[in-house]
Amino acid sequence: MNVFDILKERGFIQQATHEDEIRDLLAKEKVTFYIGFDPTADSLHVGHFLQVIAMAHLQRAGHKPIFLIGGGTAMVGDPTGKTDMRKMLTSDEIQHNGERFLHQTRRFLEFSDDKGIMENNAEWLLNLTYVPFLREIGRHFSVNRMLTAECFKSRMEKGLSFLEFNYMIMQAYDFLQLYRKHGCKLQLGGDDQWSNIIAGADLIRRVEGEAAYGMTFTLLTTSEGNKMGKTESGAIWLDPEKTSPFDFYQYWRNVDDRDVEKCLSLLTFLPMEEVTRLGALEGAEINRAKEVLAFEVTKLVHGEEEAQKADEAAKALFKTGGIAGSIPTTELSKGDVLGIDVLDLLMKTGLTPSRGEGRRLVQQGGVFINDEKVTDIALTISENHFIDGGLMIKKGKKTYHRVELL
């Protein structure tokens, strides 16, 4: 199967400049393609991970990835999706962050034997001379057209600095440089980068008179449209020092039922037949699909040993006498617990003496079910909350209580 069709079947592709031409190109020749990553933090996060997985699919099909570190563009900051200007980082911070990105990426992509390329746009951006750059590159950009781009529209009310206004031109210049240096014909990225990507393809056409292509991937969002990979404590990072393998595992173990099939498709290499089978599970059985999702994604990011440890630790936590010690347990029949709200459950387990105290505890963010914060005081307990016949409530940071179905 053409890798374009694989990416489409798995739900990656959102937009393409020339869909039929890109599909034919990927079928007929070994294509050099790139994605840029601005090192604005010292670790990749799960949003980056989706794009790296897409790069891995393409590399496995024989195409050559360029992993571009935005050492130059990070000095300016991408205004896309931001209501305020990004925090300015120092050169040392950007260099350190870029090195961390490259270290993490080696787990997913192969760079030896000319199978992949690592580049840093600081190499060509930081040494540009201003007036020659304006004459050679700036003249090809229409300010009127740039102002209609989504990446700038959201900033017009609060104000868009001239510094950030240059970001699109710089990213387009990256594409031109990689075309000249490596014959790179295809730029990929998240769907929020569409305006920047088509600007680069257009620049190559204007300056070199050659065809170049762009394609965007779906953003990793929940079924409700919220960006995935965020928790109350912050982003879900690939660095085990920032997000432990256990917490990483637990995040995927607790995704919404409606998001399981999509995550399996986008973030694992499981065959689509298995993804479809797991995604079709219902009721309590969907928990098995979540365990597979959590294990597979954790294995890719942290290795099989850490995934196994996280899996065992998660299961132990739901058993009396597990890693959390002797966890107090309440046994209830289905009739006693299914259909009641979380405030009644807190009272039945003795964690709160009254519904009023339970309500205050939930409103203060102090109640977790299966490691997911409860935000709705009317949350109804269902069979889906039970894993292997057990449900774990956490009150505050340290008080655990297990509920077992009789």
Foldseek 3Di string as FASTA:
>chain_A
DQLLVLCVVLAWFDDKPDSVVVSVDSVPDAAEEEEEDELPDQFAFVQVLLVLVSVLSSLVSPHEYEYEYALPLLQLQQLQPPQDGDDHDDSVSRVNSSVSHVVQSVLRADPPPNSYHYYYLCVPRVPDDPPVCCVQQVVLDDPVVLCVQNSNVSHVVVDDDPSNSCSLSSLLVVLVVCCVPPVHQEYEEAPSCVVSRVSNQVRCCVNVVDGHMYTYTYGCAAPVRHHPQADPVGGGGLDCVVPNLLNQLLSLLPHDLQCLLSLCSSQAPPPNVVSVVLNPDDFQSVSVSSLVSSLRNSCSRPNNVSSVVSSQQLVQVQDACRPLGGAAEAEDACVVAAFAFPLVVCCSQPVDVHSVVVVVQLCVQFKDKSNHTRNDRRHGDHSNSAHPQKIWMGGHDRHIYIYGHD
